[in-house]
N, C-alpha and C. Protein backbone atom coordinates (compact mmCIF):
# COMPACT_ATOMS: atom_id res chain seq x y z
N MET A 1 114.53 104.39 112.50
CA MET A 1 113.70 105.51 111.49
C MET A 1 113.29 105.00 110.27
N PHE A 2 112.34 106.11 109.99
CA PHE A 2 111.68 105.36 108.44
C PHE A 2 112.05 105.94 107.56
N GLY A 3 112.29 105.42 106.37
CA GLY A 3 112.92 105.96 105.14
C GLY A 3 113.93 105.21 104.48
N GLY A 4 114.87 104.95 105.11
CA GLY A 4 115.91 103.62 104.34
C GLY A 4 116.74 104.93 103.67
N THR A 5 117.07 104.12 102.50
CA THR A 5 118.20 104.82 101.68
C THR A 5 117.21 105.92 100.96
N THR A 6 115.74 105.54 100.55
CA THR A 6 114.87 106.28 99.83
C THR A 6 115.03 107.78 100.59
N ALA A 7 114.91 107.66 101.88
CA ALA A 7 114.85 109.02 102.58
C ALA A 7 116.06 110.12 102.31
N VAL A 8 117.16 109.44 101.78
CA VAL A 8 118.25 110.47 101.94
C VAL A 8 118.58 110.54 100.22
N SER A 9 117.92 109.97 99.62
CA SER A 9 117.82 110.05 98.14
C SER A 9 117.51 111.45 97.51
N GLY A 10 117.35 111.56 96.01
CA GLY A 10 116.67 112.92 95.38
C GLY A 10 115.22 112.48 95.45
N GLY A 11 114.87 111.30 95.99
CA GLY A 11 113.17 111.25 95.74
C GLY A 11 112.48 110.97 94.44
N SER A 12 113.13 110.80 93.36
CA SER A 12 112.78 110.59 92.33
C SER A 12 112.14 109.28 91.86
N VAL A 13 111.24 109.08 90.81
CA VAL A 13 110.44 107.88 90.50
C VAL A 13 110.73 107.81 89.27
N TRP A 14 111.36 106.78 88.71
CA TRP A 14 111.42 106.50 87.11
C TRP A 14 110.35 105.92 86.61
N ALA A 15 109.66 106.44 85.76
CA ALA A 15 108.30 106.36 85.29
C ALA A 15 108.28 106.32 83.86
N PRO A 16 108.57 105.48 82.98
CA PRO A 16 108.90 105.45 81.86
C PRO A 16 107.36 105.40 80.99
N ASN A 17 107.03 106.24 79.97
CA ASN A 17 105.78 106.22 79.30
C ASN A 17 104.62 106.56 80.17
N SER A 18 104.77 107.16 81.20
CA SER A 18 103.87 107.91 82.17
C SER A 18 102.76 108.87 81.38
N LYS A 19 101.85 109.19 82.27
CA LYS A 19 100.63 109.93 81.81
C LYS A 19 101.23 111.43 81.73
N TYR A 20 102.35 111.72 82.27
CA TYR A 20 102.58 113.27 82.64
C TYR A 20 103.16 113.64 81.31
N PRO A 21 102.79 114.97 80.72
CA PRO A 21 103.26 115.41 79.43
C PRO A 21 104.94 115.77 79.60
N GLU A 22 105.67 115.96 78.46
CA GLU A 22 106.96 116.02 78.43
C GLU A 22 106.98 117.39 77.64
N GLN A 23 107.39 118.64 78.08
CA GLN A 23 107.27 119.56 77.40
C GLN A 23 108.72 119.58 76.71
N GLY A 24 108.33 120.01 75.08
CA GLY A 24 109.38 120.46 74.40
C GLY A 24 110.17 119.07 73.68
N SER A 25 109.46 118.00 74.09
CA SER A 25 110.16 116.88 73.36
C SER A 25 108.83 115.86 72.82
N PRO A 26 109.38 114.88 71.83
CA PRO A 26 108.18 114.19 71.26
C PRO A 26 107.68 113.18 72.53
N PRO A 27 106.60 112.83 72.45
CA PRO A 27 106.22 112.00 73.58
C PRO A 27 106.65 110.43 73.85
N ASP A 28 106.63 110.25 74.78
CA ASP A 28 107.30 108.81 75.29
C ASP A 28 106.50 107.29 74.48
N SER A 29 106.90 106.49 74.32
CA SER A 29 106.20 105.15 73.80
C SER A 29 106.38 104.07 75.04
N ARG A 30 105.47 103.06 74.78
CA ARG A 30 105.54 101.83 75.47
C ARG A 30 106.61 101.09 74.70
N GLU A 31 106.66 101.10 73.50
CA GLU A 31 108.12 100.41 72.77
C GLU A 31 109.11 101.09 73.04
N ASP A 32 109.46 101.91 72.99
CA ASP A 32 110.89 102.83 73.36
C ASP A 32 111.17 102.24 74.98
N ALA A 33 110.06 102.50 75.76
CA ALA A 33 110.15 102.14 77.48
C ALA A 33 110.64 100.48 77.58
N LEU A 34 109.78 99.95 76.72
CA LEU A 34 110.41 98.34 76.85
C LEU A 34 111.83 98.19 76.02
N THR A 35 112.24 98.72 75.12
CA THR A 35 113.38 98.74 74.54
C THR A 35 114.50 99.07 75.64
N TYR A 36 114.22 100.23 76.16
CA TYR A 36 115.32 100.52 77.16
C TYR A 36 115.60 99.43 78.36
N VAL A 37 114.34 99.21 78.84
CA VAL A 37 114.52 98.10 80.09
C VAL A 37 114.84 97.08 79.75
N ARG A 38 114.70 96.42 78.53
CA ARG A 38 114.82 95.07 78.08
C ARG A 38 116.92 95.50 77.76
N ALA A 39 117.39 96.26 77.24
CA ALA A 39 118.51 96.72 77.47
C ALA A 39 119.35 96.64 78.88
N LEU A 40 118.57 97.01 79.71
CA LEU A 40 118.99 97.34 80.69
C LEU A 40 119.15 96.02 81.55
N ALA A 41 118.22 94.69 81.27
CA ALA A 41 118.13 93.75 81.77
C ALA A 41 119.18 92.49 81.26
N LEU A 42 119.82 93.00 80.38
CA LEU A 42 121.10 92.20 79.68
C LEU A 42 120.46 90.58 79.83
N GLY A 43 119.20 90.58 79.19
CA GLY A 43 118.50 88.99 79.08
C GLY A 43 118.37 88.19 80.44
N ARG A 44 118.28 89.26 81.53
CA ARG A 44 118.47 88.23 82.57
C ARG A 44 116.84 88.39 83.48
N VAL A 45 115.74 88.75 82.77
CA VAL A 45 114.72 89.19 83.73
C VAL A 45 113.67 88.61 82.52
N ASP A 46 112.64 87.81 83.08
CA ASP A 46 111.55 87.32 82.39
C ASP A 46 110.96 88.73 81.47
N ASP A 47 110.77 88.39 80.53
CA ASP A 47 110.44 89.41 79.43
C ASP A 47 108.80 90.17 80.03
N ARG A 48 107.78 88.88 80.68
CA ARG A 48 106.66 89.29 81.16
C ARG A 48 107.00 90.10 82.33
N LEU A 49 107.92 90.41 83.25
CA LEU A 49 107.86 91.04 84.08
C LEU A 49 108.21 92.58 83.55
N ILE A 50 109.07 92.67 82.62
CA ILE A 50 109.33 93.87 81.97
C ILE A 50 107.91 94.50 81.24
N GLU A 51 107.15 93.69 80.94
CA GLU A 51 106.10 94.44 80.39
C GLU A 51 105.35 94.39 81.16
N THR A 52 104.69 93.74 82.20
CA THR A 52 104.19 94.53 83.49
C THR A 52 104.59 95.75 83.85
N PHE A 53 106.04 95.61 84.47
CA PHE A 53 106.31 97.01 85.20
C PHE A 53 105.96 98.06 84.20
N VAL A 54 106.48 98.20 82.80
CA VAL A 54 106.06 99.20 82.04
C VAL A 54 104.54 99.75 82.16
N ASP A 55 103.78 98.22 81.78
CA ASP A 55 102.20 98.70 81.80
C ASP A 55 101.35 98.85 82.83
N THR A 56 102.03 99.02 84.27
CA THR A 56 101.50 99.34 85.31
C THR A 56 101.81 100.73 85.82
N ILE A 57 102.72 101.20 85.17
CA ILE A 57 103.32 102.41 85.50
C ILE A 57 102.30 103.59 86.06
N ASN A 58 101.24 103.89 84.99
CA ASN A 58 100.37 104.80 85.20
C ASN A 58 99.16 104.10 86.24
N PRO A 59 98.77 103.11 86.33
CA PRO A 59 97.71 102.68 87.24
C PRO A 59 98.37 102.78 88.73
N THR A 60 99.95 102.82 88.80
CA THR A 60 100.47 102.59 90.12
C THR A 60 100.26 104.23 90.51
N LEU A 61 100.69 105.00 89.40
CA LEU A 61 100.73 106.54 89.78
C LEU A 61 99.29 107.00 90.35
N ASP A 62 98.06 106.26 89.37
CA ASP A 62 96.81 106.75 89.82
C ASP A 62 96.47 106.27 91.61
N PHE A 63 97.28 105.04 91.58
CA PHE A 63 96.45 104.63 93.19
C PHE A 63 97.38 105.57 94.22
N LEU A 64 98.78 105.78 94.05
CA LEU A 64 99.15 106.57 94.69
C LEU A 64 98.43 107.73 95.23
N GLU A 65 98.30 108.57 93.94
CA GLU A 65 97.68 109.86 93.94
C GLU A 65 96.56 110.11 94.60
N LYS A 66 95.74 108.82 94.60
CA LYS A 66 93.87 108.61 95.01
C LYS A 66 94.55 108.11 96.40
N GLU A 67 95.36 107.39 97.01
CA GLU A 67 95.33 107.15 98.27
C GLU A 67 96.49 107.85 99.02
N THR A 68 97.13 108.97 98.39
CA THR A 68 98.39 109.46 99.19
C THR A 68 97.99 111.12 98.77
N ALA A 69 98.98 112.03 99.74
CA ALA A 69 98.84 113.42 99.40
C ALA A 69 100.18 113.49 98.29
N ILE A 70 100.54 112.54 97.52
CA ILE A 70 101.64 112.68 96.46
C ILE A 70 101.27 113.64 95.22
N GLU A 71 102.12 114.42 94.96
CA GLU A 71 101.58 115.16 93.76
C GLU A 71 102.92 115.16 92.83
N PHE A 72 102.98 114.46 91.69
CA PHE A 72 104.11 114.07 90.67
C PHE A 72 104.40 115.12 89.86
N SER A 73 105.42 115.39 89.54
CA SER A 73 105.78 116.48 88.11
C SER A 73 106.62 115.70 87.42
N SER A 74 106.73 115.86 86.05
CA SER A 74 108.02 115.33 85.46
C SER A 74 109.12 116.16 85.24
N ASN A 75 110.25 115.83 85.17
CA ASN A 75 111.48 116.56 85.48
C ASN A 75 111.89 116.42 83.71
N PRO A 76 112.19 117.41 82.99
CA PRO A 76 112.50 117.49 81.74
C PRO A 76 113.99 117.49 81.68
N HIS A 77 114.86 117.69 82.67
CA HIS A 77 116.22 117.70 82.66
C HIS A 77 116.85 116.68 83.22
N HIS A 78 116.14 115.74 83.31
CA HIS A 78 116.60 114.36 84.30
C HIS A 78 116.87 113.55 83.28
N PRO A 79 118.11 113.27 82.94
CA PRO A 79 117.93 111.98 81.81
C PRO A 79 117.96 110.36 82.38
N ASP A 80 117.65 109.56 81.43
CA ASP A 80 117.86 108.06 81.81
C ASP A 80 119.39 108.08 82.36
N TYR A 81 119.91 107.12 83.25
CA TYR A 81 120.92 106.92 83.53
C TYR A 81 121.86 106.24 82.64
N GLN A 82 121.37 105.41 81.45
CA GLN A 82 121.81 104.90 80.81
C GLN A 82 121.76 105.40 79.42
N PRO A 83 122.13 106.72 78.96
CA PRO A 83 121.56 107.19 77.96
C PRO A 83 122.22 106.83 76.44
N HIS A 84 122.99 106.24 76.37
CA HIS A 84 123.51 105.31 75.20
C HIS A 84 123.03 104.12 75.00
N LEU A 85 121.70 103.60 75.40
CA LEU A 85 121.10 102.33 75.13
C LEU A 85 119.88 102.98 74.44
N PRO A 86 119.62 101.70 73.37
CA PRO A 86 118.37 101.98 72.66
C PRO A 86 117.32 102.02 73.63
N GLY A 87 116.49 103.37 73.48
CA GLY A 87 115.28 103.69 74.15
C GLY A 87 115.30 104.28 75.10
N ALA A 88 116.59 104.89 75.32
CA ALA A 88 116.68 105.89 76.43
C ALA A 88 116.57 107.27 76.06
N ARG A 89 115.78 107.92 76.88
CA ARG A 89 115.39 109.59 76.68
C ARG A 89 116.56 110.39 77.58
N ALA A 90 116.22 111.84 76.92
CA ALA A 90 116.81 112.74 77.40
C ALA A 90 116.37 113.26 78.73
N GLY A 91 115.16 113.20 78.71
CA GLY A 91 114.34 113.74 80.29
C GLY A 91 113.03 113.16 80.06
N GLY A 92 112.08 113.57 81.14
CA GLY A 92 110.79 113.29 81.15
C GLY A 92 110.29 112.34 81.53
N ARG A 93 111.18 110.98 81.94
CA ARG A 93 110.71 110.06 82.41
C ARG A 93 110.69 109.60 84.11
N THR A 94 111.55 110.74 84.51
CA THR A 94 111.83 110.96 86.12
C THR A 94 110.62 111.83 86.60
N LEU A 95 110.17 111.25 87.64
CA LEU A 95 109.09 112.15 88.49
C LEU A 95 109.54 112.59 89.79
N GLN A 96 109.36 114.06 90.25
CA GLN A 96 109.64 114.40 91.42
C GLN A 96 108.38 114.64 92.29
N VAL A 97 108.45 114.78 93.53
CA VAL A 97 107.58 115.08 94.63
C VAL A 97 107.92 116.61 95.08
N GLY A 98 107.08 117.21 95.59
CA GLY A 98 107.28 118.43 96.56
C GLY A 98 107.79 118.27 97.30
N ILE A 99 107.24 119.20 98.39
CA ILE A 99 107.76 119.89 99.65
C ILE A 99 106.48 119.23 100.75
N TYR A 100 107.16 118.63 101.75
CA TYR A 100 106.32 117.83 102.91
C TYR A 100 106.39 118.44 104.21
N ASP A 101 105.30 119.04 104.80
CA ASP A 101 105.25 119.16 106.30
C ASP A 101 104.93 118.42 107.09
N THR A 102 106.45 117.89 108.03
CA THR A 102 106.53 116.53 109.02
C THR A 102 105.98 117.15 110.01
N ASN A 103 105.43 118.38 110.03
CA ASN A 103 104.30 118.65 111.29
C ASN A 103 103.07 117.42 111.31
N LEU A 104 102.71 117.11 110.18
CA LEU A 104 101.51 116.25 109.90
C LEU A 104 101.85 114.87 110.36
N LEU A 105 103.03 114.38 110.72
CA LEU A 105 103.34 113.07 111.37
C LEU A 105 103.42 113.36 112.76
N GLY A 106 102.99 114.40 113.68
CA GLY A 106 102.91 114.46 115.00
C GLY A 106 104.09 114.10 115.49
N GLU A 107 103.83 112.84 116.59
CA GLU A 107 105.15 112.41 117.28
C GLU A 107 105.92 111.88 116.51
N ARG A 108 105.29 111.21 115.05
CA ARG A 108 105.95 110.42 114.51
C ARG A 108 107.38 110.89 113.73
N ALA A 109 107.14 112.44 113.59
CA ALA A 109 108.10 113.34 112.92
C ALA A 109 109.45 113.05 113.11
N ASN A 110 109.86 112.88 114.49
CA ASN A 110 111.36 112.47 114.67
C ASN A 110 111.70 111.13 114.32
N GLN A 111 110.80 110.26 113.77
CA GLN A 111 111.24 109.17 113.41
C GLN A 111 111.38 109.07 111.72
N LEU A 112 111.27 109.98 111.14
CA LEU A 112 111.49 110.18 109.79
C LEU A 112 112.94 110.41 109.49
N ARG A 113 113.32 109.48 108.83
CA ARG A 113 115.11 109.81 108.27
C ARG A 113 114.82 110.92 107.36
N LYS A 114 115.87 111.78 107.48
CA LYS A 114 116.09 113.18 106.66
C LYS A 114 117.46 113.25 105.97
N GLY A 115 118.79 113.09 106.56
CA GLY A 115 119.90 113.00 105.90
C GLY A 115 119.79 114.28 105.27
N HIS A 116 120.65 114.36 104.06
CA HIS A 116 120.97 115.55 103.20
C HIS A 116 119.36 116.14 102.44
N SER A 117 118.40 115.18 102.62
CA SER A 117 117.15 115.44 102.18
C SER A 117 116.61 116.62 103.15
N SER A 118 117.24 116.82 104.19
CA SER A 118 116.55 117.65 105.17
C SER A 118 116.82 119.48 104.67
N VAL A 119 117.23 119.36 103.48
CA VAL A 119 117.46 120.74 103.10
C VAL A 119 116.21 120.64 102.37
N PRO A 120 114.95 121.53 102.30
CA PRO A 120 113.91 121.51 101.97
C PRO A 120 113.70 122.40 100.63
N ILE A 121 114.59 121.51 99.76
CA ILE A 121 114.01 121.68 98.36
C ILE A 121 113.57 120.59 97.36
N THR A 122 113.18 121.13 96.20
CA THR A 122 112.76 119.79 95.55
C THR A 122 113.58 119.69 94.22
N ARG A 123 113.97 118.80 93.67
CA ARG A 123 114.59 118.46 92.53
C ARG A 123 114.34 119.69 91.18
N LEU A 124 113.14 120.10 91.12
CA LEU A 124 113.02 120.70 90.30
C LEU A 124 113.86 122.26 90.71
N GLU A 125 113.27 122.66 91.63
CA GLU A 125 114.20 123.88 92.12
C GLU A 125 115.65 124.12 92.03
N GLY A 126 116.12 122.66 92.45
CA GLY A 126 117.79 122.78 92.37
C GLY A 126 117.96 122.70 90.92
N ASP A 127 117.45 121.89 89.85
CA ASP A 127 117.94 122.06 88.93
C ASP A 127 117.55 123.71 88.18
N ALA A 128 116.72 124.10 88.59
CA ALA A 128 116.47 125.53 88.10
C ALA A 128 117.67 126.58 89.01
N TRP A 129 117.81 126.29 90.05
CA TRP A 129 118.89 127.16 90.71
C TRP A 129 120.14 126.68 90.42
N GLY A 130 120.29 125.66 90.25
CA GLY A 130 121.88 124.90 89.89
C GLY A 130 122.23 124.08 90.86
N MET A 131 122.03 122.54 90.80
CA MET A 131 122.26 121.76 92.24
C MET A 131 124.10 122.19 92.49
N GLU A 132 124.65 122.28 91.39
CA GLU A 132 126.16 122.76 91.86
C GLU A 132 126.55 124.19 91.77
N ARG A 133 125.25 124.86 92.09
CA ARG A 133 125.45 126.43 92.30
C ARG A 133 124.81 127.00 93.57
N PRO A 134 125.16 126.42 94.79
CA PRO A 134 124.33 126.90 96.33
C PRO A 134 124.57 128.25 96.21
N GLU A 135 125.59 128.61 95.73
CA GLU A 135 125.49 130.37 95.97
C GLU A 135 124.05 131.15 95.23
N ARG A 136 123.35 130.20 94.53
CA ARG A 136 122.28 130.96 93.90
C ARG A 136 121.32 130.40 94.43
N TRP A 137 121.01 129.70 95.36
CA TRP A 137 119.97 129.15 96.11
C TRP A 137 119.18 130.30 96.83
N ASP A 138 117.72 129.94 97.00
CA ASP A 138 117.28 131.00 97.79
C ASP A 138 117.35 130.76 99.43
N TRP A 139 118.61 131.30 99.82
CA TRP A 139 118.48 130.36 101.11
C TRP A 139 117.59 131.32 102.19
N LYS A 140 117.02 131.98 102.30
CA LYS A 140 115.89 132.80 102.83
C LYS A 140 114.72 131.95 103.03
N LEU A 141 114.37 131.38 101.88
CA LEU A 141 113.06 130.67 101.74
C LEU A 141 113.36 129.52 101.85
N LEU A 142 114.62 128.62 102.04
CA LEU A 142 114.85 127.22 102.62
C LEU A 142 115.14 127.43 104.07
N ALA A 143 115.48 128.65 104.75
CA ALA A 143 115.70 128.67 106.38
C ALA A 143 114.19 128.82 106.96
N GLU A 144 113.39 129.59 105.99
CA GLU A 144 112.03 129.46 106.69
C GLU A 144 111.41 128.29 106.48
N ARG A 145 111.84 127.24 105.37
CA ARG A 145 111.05 125.94 105.42
C ARG A 145 111.56 125.35 106.51
N VAL A 146 112.92 125.35 106.77
CA VAL A 146 113.42 124.45 107.95
C VAL A 146 112.84 124.98 109.06
N ALA A 147 112.72 125.94 109.50
CA ALA A 147 111.97 126.44 110.69
C ALA A 147 110.46 125.92 110.86
N SER A 148 109.76 125.77 109.55
CA SER A 148 108.53 125.36 110.00
C SER A 148 108.34 123.85 109.77
N GLY A 149 109.59 123.00 109.98
CA GLY A 149 109.64 121.82 109.76
C GLY A 149 108.98 120.68 108.45
N LEU A 150 109.57 121.54 107.43
CA LEU A 150 109.37 121.17 105.85
C LEU A 150 110.44 120.42 105.51
N VAL A 151 110.39 119.48 104.57
CA VAL A 151 111.43 118.84 103.88
C VAL A 151 111.38 118.92 102.45
N GLY A 152 112.31 118.17 101.60
CA GLY A 152 111.88 117.79 100.43
C GLY A 152 112.84 116.91 99.83
N MET A 153 112.91 116.33 98.53
CA MET A 153 113.20 115.17 98.09
C MET A 153 112.73 113.73 98.63
N GLY A 154 113.93 112.79 98.77
CA GLY A 154 113.41 111.79 99.40
C GLY A 154 112.79 111.67 100.53
N ALA A 155 113.20 112.69 101.40
CA ALA A 155 112.50 112.56 102.87
C ALA A 155 110.87 113.22 102.61
N SER A 156 110.55 113.94 101.54
CA SER A 156 109.23 114.17 101.38
C SER A 156 108.56 112.89 100.69
N LEU A 157 109.21 112.44 99.95
CA LEU A 157 108.37 111.01 99.21
C LEU A 157 107.73 110.35 100.46
N VAL A 158 109.15 109.68 101.60
CA VAL A 158 108.68 109.18 102.27
C VAL A 158 107.96 109.48 103.29
N GLY A 159 108.03 110.86 103.92
CA GLY A 159 107.04 111.58 104.79
C GLY A 159 105.82 111.45 104.21
N THR A 160 105.22 111.47 103.04
CA THR A 160 104.00 111.35 102.51
C THR A 160 103.55 110.39 102.49
N LEU A 161 104.36 109.38 102.28
CA LEU A 161 103.66 107.65 101.87
C LEU A 161 103.48 107.40 103.63
N LEU A 162 104.41 107.66 104.46
CA LEU A 162 104.03 107.45 105.56
C LEU A 162 103.03 108.03 106.18
N ASP A 163 102.74 109.28 106.08
CA ASP A 163 101.63 110.06 106.68
C ASP A 163 100.30 109.31 105.88
N ALA A 164 100.32 108.66 105.24
CA ALA A 164 99.32 108.05 104.48
C ALA A 164 98.62 106.74 105.14
N CYS A 165 100.10 105.84 105.39
CA CYS A 165 99.64 104.67 106.06
C CYS A 165 99.36 105.03 107.15
N LEU A 166 99.61 105.78 107.89
CA LEU A 166 99.19 106.10 109.37
C LEU A 166 97.79 106.44 109.46
N LYS A 167 97.50 107.31 108.10
CA LYS A 167 96.08 107.68 108.54
C LYS A 167 95.20 106.78 107.91
N LYS A 168 95.58 105.74 107.25
CA LYS A 168 94.63 104.54 106.85
C LYS A 168 94.95 103.53 108.07
N GLY A 169 95.67 103.64 109.42
CA GLY A 169 95.80 102.73 110.54
C GLY A 169 96.65 101.67 110.20
N VAL A 170 97.69 101.79 109.20
CA VAL A 170 99.10 100.87 109.24
C VAL A 170 99.49 100.91 110.29
N GLN A 171 100.07 99.84 111.02
CA GLN A 171 100.92 99.79 111.97
C GLN A 171 102.30 99.79 111.51
N ALA A 172 103.12 100.83 111.85
CA ALA A 172 104.35 101.38 111.43
C ALA A 172 105.08 100.80 112.80
N VAL A 173 106.11 100.20 112.64
CA VAL A 173 107.04 99.79 113.64
C VAL A 173 108.72 99.85 113.24
N VAL A 174 109.23 100.58 114.13
CA VAL A 174 110.93 100.65 113.89
C VAL A 174 111.33 99.68 115.04
N ASN A 175 112.76 99.50 114.59
CA ASN A 175 113.77 98.70 115.51
C ASN A 175 113.20 97.27 115.13
N ALA A 176 112.76 96.80 113.97
CA ALA A 176 112.15 95.36 113.98
C ALA A 176 112.91 94.72 112.77
N ARG A 177 113.85 93.66 112.99
CA ARG A 177 114.57 93.02 112.12
C ARG A 177 114.00 91.53 111.77
N ALA A 178 113.39 91.76 110.33
CA ALA A 178 112.74 90.46 109.94
C ALA A 178 114.05 89.19 109.95
N VAL A 179 113.15 87.99 110.78
CA VAL A 179 114.12 86.94 110.86
C VAL A 179 113.61 85.77 110.01
N GLU A 180 112.08 85.85 109.96
CA GLU A 180 111.87 84.25 109.00
C GLU A 180 110.37 84.60 108.36
N LEU A 181 110.03 83.83 107.22
CA LEU A 181 108.84 84.27 106.69
C LEU A 181 107.93 83.26 107.20
N ASP A 182 106.64 83.73 107.48
CA ASP A 182 105.60 82.69 107.75
C ASP A 182 104.56 82.18 106.44
N ARG A 183 104.45 81.07 106.24
CA ARG A 183 103.88 80.28 105.10
C ARG A 183 102.71 79.51 105.39
N ASP A 184 101.72 79.51 104.66
CA ASP A 184 100.52 78.89 104.81
C ASP A 184 100.91 77.39 104.15
N PRO A 185 99.76 76.38 104.73
CA PRO A 185 99.77 75.07 104.17
C PRO A 185 100.27 75.11 102.54
N GLN A 186 100.13 75.77 101.75
CA GLN A 186 100.18 75.88 100.46
C GLN A 186 101.48 76.40 99.84
N GLY A 187 102.46 76.87 101.03
CA GLY A 187 103.70 77.37 100.64
C GLY A 187 103.88 78.76 100.36
N ARG A 188 102.43 79.47 100.31
CA ARG A 188 102.36 81.01 100.30
C ARG A 188 103.00 81.90 101.46
N VAL A 189 103.40 82.70 101.20
CA VAL A 189 104.10 83.90 102.14
C VAL A 189 102.79 84.70 102.68
N VAL A 190 102.58 84.25 104.01
CA VAL A 190 101.58 85.31 104.70
C VAL A 190 101.67 85.82 105.70
N GLY A 191 103.25 86.25 106.12
CA GLY A 191 103.46 86.98 107.30
C GLY A 191 104.93 86.94 107.32
N VAL A 192 105.47 88.02 108.31
CA VAL A 192 106.81 87.56 108.41
C VAL A 192 107.02 87.69 110.09
N TYR A 193 108.04 87.01 110.53
CA TYR A 193 108.50 86.90 112.24
C TYR A 193 109.46 88.03 112.09
N ALA A 194 109.21 88.87 113.27
CA ALA A 194 110.48 89.70 113.23
C ALA A 194 111.12 89.87 114.71
N GLU A 195 111.93 90.72 115.13
CA GLU A 195 112.47 90.60 116.56
C GLU A 195 112.57 92.18 116.77
N VAL A 196 111.18 92.59 117.61
CA VAL A 196 111.11 94.01 117.95
C VAL A 196 111.84 94.28 119.24
N ASP A 197 112.46 94.96 119.48
CA ASP A 197 113.04 95.15 120.73
C ASP A 197 113.46 94.18 121.73
N GLY A 198 113.98 93.30 121.04
CA GLY A 198 114.20 91.91 121.54
C GLY A 198 113.34 90.69 121.69
N GLU A 199 112.22 91.11 120.93
CA GLU A 199 111.09 90.25 121.19
C GLU A 199 110.42 89.68 119.83
N ARG A 200 110.22 88.33 119.79
CA ARG A 200 109.79 87.72 118.65
C ARG A 200 108.27 88.01 118.38
N ARG A 201 108.34 88.58 117.18
CA ARG A 201 106.50 88.88 117.11
C ARG A 201 106.29 88.73 115.26
N LEU A 202 104.83 88.22 115.26
CA LEU A 202 104.12 87.58 113.83
C LEU A 202 103.32 88.77 113.44
N PHE A 203 103.97 89.31 112.16
CA PHE A 203 103.07 90.20 111.75
C PHE A 203 102.61 89.41 110.25
N ARG A 204 101.04 89.66 110.30
CA ARG A 204 100.21 88.97 109.27
C ARG A 204 100.06 89.47 108.12
N ALA A 205 99.78 89.05 107.19
CA ALA A 205 99.50 89.99 105.80
C ALA A 205 98.49 89.78 105.31
N GLY A 206 97.52 90.78 105.60
CA GLY A 206 96.28 90.83 104.97
C GLY A 206 95.23 89.79 105.25
N LYS A 207 93.95 89.86 104.56
CA LYS A 207 92.90 88.60 104.55
C LYS A 207 93.41 87.68 103.79
N ARG A 208 94.38 87.18 103.13
CA ARG A 208 94.86 86.05 102.60
C ARG A 208 95.20 85.15 103.97
N SER A 209 95.81 85.64 104.89
CA SER A 209 96.21 84.63 105.78
C SER A 209 95.23 84.88 107.10
N ALA A 210 93.97 84.96 106.89
CA ALA A 210 93.25 84.92 108.01
C ALA A 210 92.93 83.64 108.41
N HIS A 211 92.95 82.58 107.69
CA HIS A 211 92.66 80.89 107.94
C HIS A 211 94.12 80.52 108.30
N ALA A 212 95.21 81.05 107.89
CA ALA A 212 96.38 80.30 108.29
C ALA A 212 96.69 79.81 109.64
N PRO A 213 97.32 78.89 109.76
CA PRO A 213 97.46 78.23 111.07
C PRO A 213 98.38 78.86 111.68
N ARG A 214 98.39 79.18 112.99
CA ARG A 214 99.45 79.46 113.57
C ARG A 214 100.76 78.49 114.19
N ARG A 215 101.62 78.35 114.22
CA ARG A 215 102.30 77.52 114.25
C ARG A 215 103.47 78.09 115.30
N ASP A 216 104.54 76.99 115.81
CA ASP A 216 105.17 77.26 116.62
C ASP A 216 106.65 77.82 116.24
N HIS A 217 106.92 79.01 116.63
CA HIS A 217 108.25 79.66 115.60
C HIS A 217 109.50 78.90 115.69
N ARG A 218 109.34 77.88 117.05
CA ARG A 218 110.60 77.09 117.07
C ARG A 218 110.82 76.14 115.98
N GLN A 219 109.54 75.70 115.14
CA GLN A 219 109.77 75.12 113.93
C GLN A 219 109.81 75.71 112.72
N PRO A 220 110.90 76.38 111.99
CA PRO A 220 111.07 77.09 111.27
C PRO A 220 110.74 76.79 109.97
N GLN A 221 109.87 77.36 109.20
CA GLN A 221 109.57 76.80 107.48
C GLN A 221 109.92 77.96 106.75
N GLY A 222 110.44 77.45 105.54
CA GLY A 222 110.85 78.47 104.61
C GLY A 222 112.43 79.19 104.83
N PRO A 223 112.81 79.78 103.88
CA PRO A 223 113.97 80.85 104.12
C PRO A 223 114.14 81.95 105.08
N PRO A 224 115.06 82.16 105.74
CA PRO A 224 115.15 83.30 106.46
C PRO A 224 115.27 84.46 105.60
N VAL A 225 114.65 85.47 106.32
CA VAL A 225 114.70 86.92 105.21
C VAL A 225 115.99 87.66 105.50
N PRO A 226 116.82 88.12 104.35
CA PRO A 226 117.93 88.72 104.64
C PRO A 226 117.65 89.95 105.33
């Protein structure tokens, strides 16, 4: 199945200091975001990585919106997970996705992992209706969505991403266990060996590996992939 734990999650994306406005609260800031992530990291993460993460939030969102059908919206009711830490915010940093139509995946629809995300509800709807108050949910609307092949939350996020990948010609493979990294003479990772239905196959990574020499997989190089 496609999706892993993301497909059975709430489908949220934590994006501090993003381009999405927060309603009813002061705007986020780069410094607050850095302060919070540094506090989370406990001094164990290179500060350059923390700055890169925060500074590439909006370029990443721009890329996803350009290359996929994802539509993000800010959730003002979803606080940071460690609200007691400096730089934390009571809401607005968590982005949500909408509803996805699995019919767009064609024969791949049955390979999308759904779990509890098969309930076609958005997180914003859940917050408005009460996530702990299912008696207040619009079950007629949800039943219509189920019958139509719609999904929400994590399944919607993964479904939309998978849809975009397939449309761009990405080779999507299930039942594939990564067993070894493939490296070029300079030691750069240029691919991965995987067991697909019991057969060992090499998957190359983009143009960078175009001139990487093929080697006998019986002479492994580099650490195994966990």
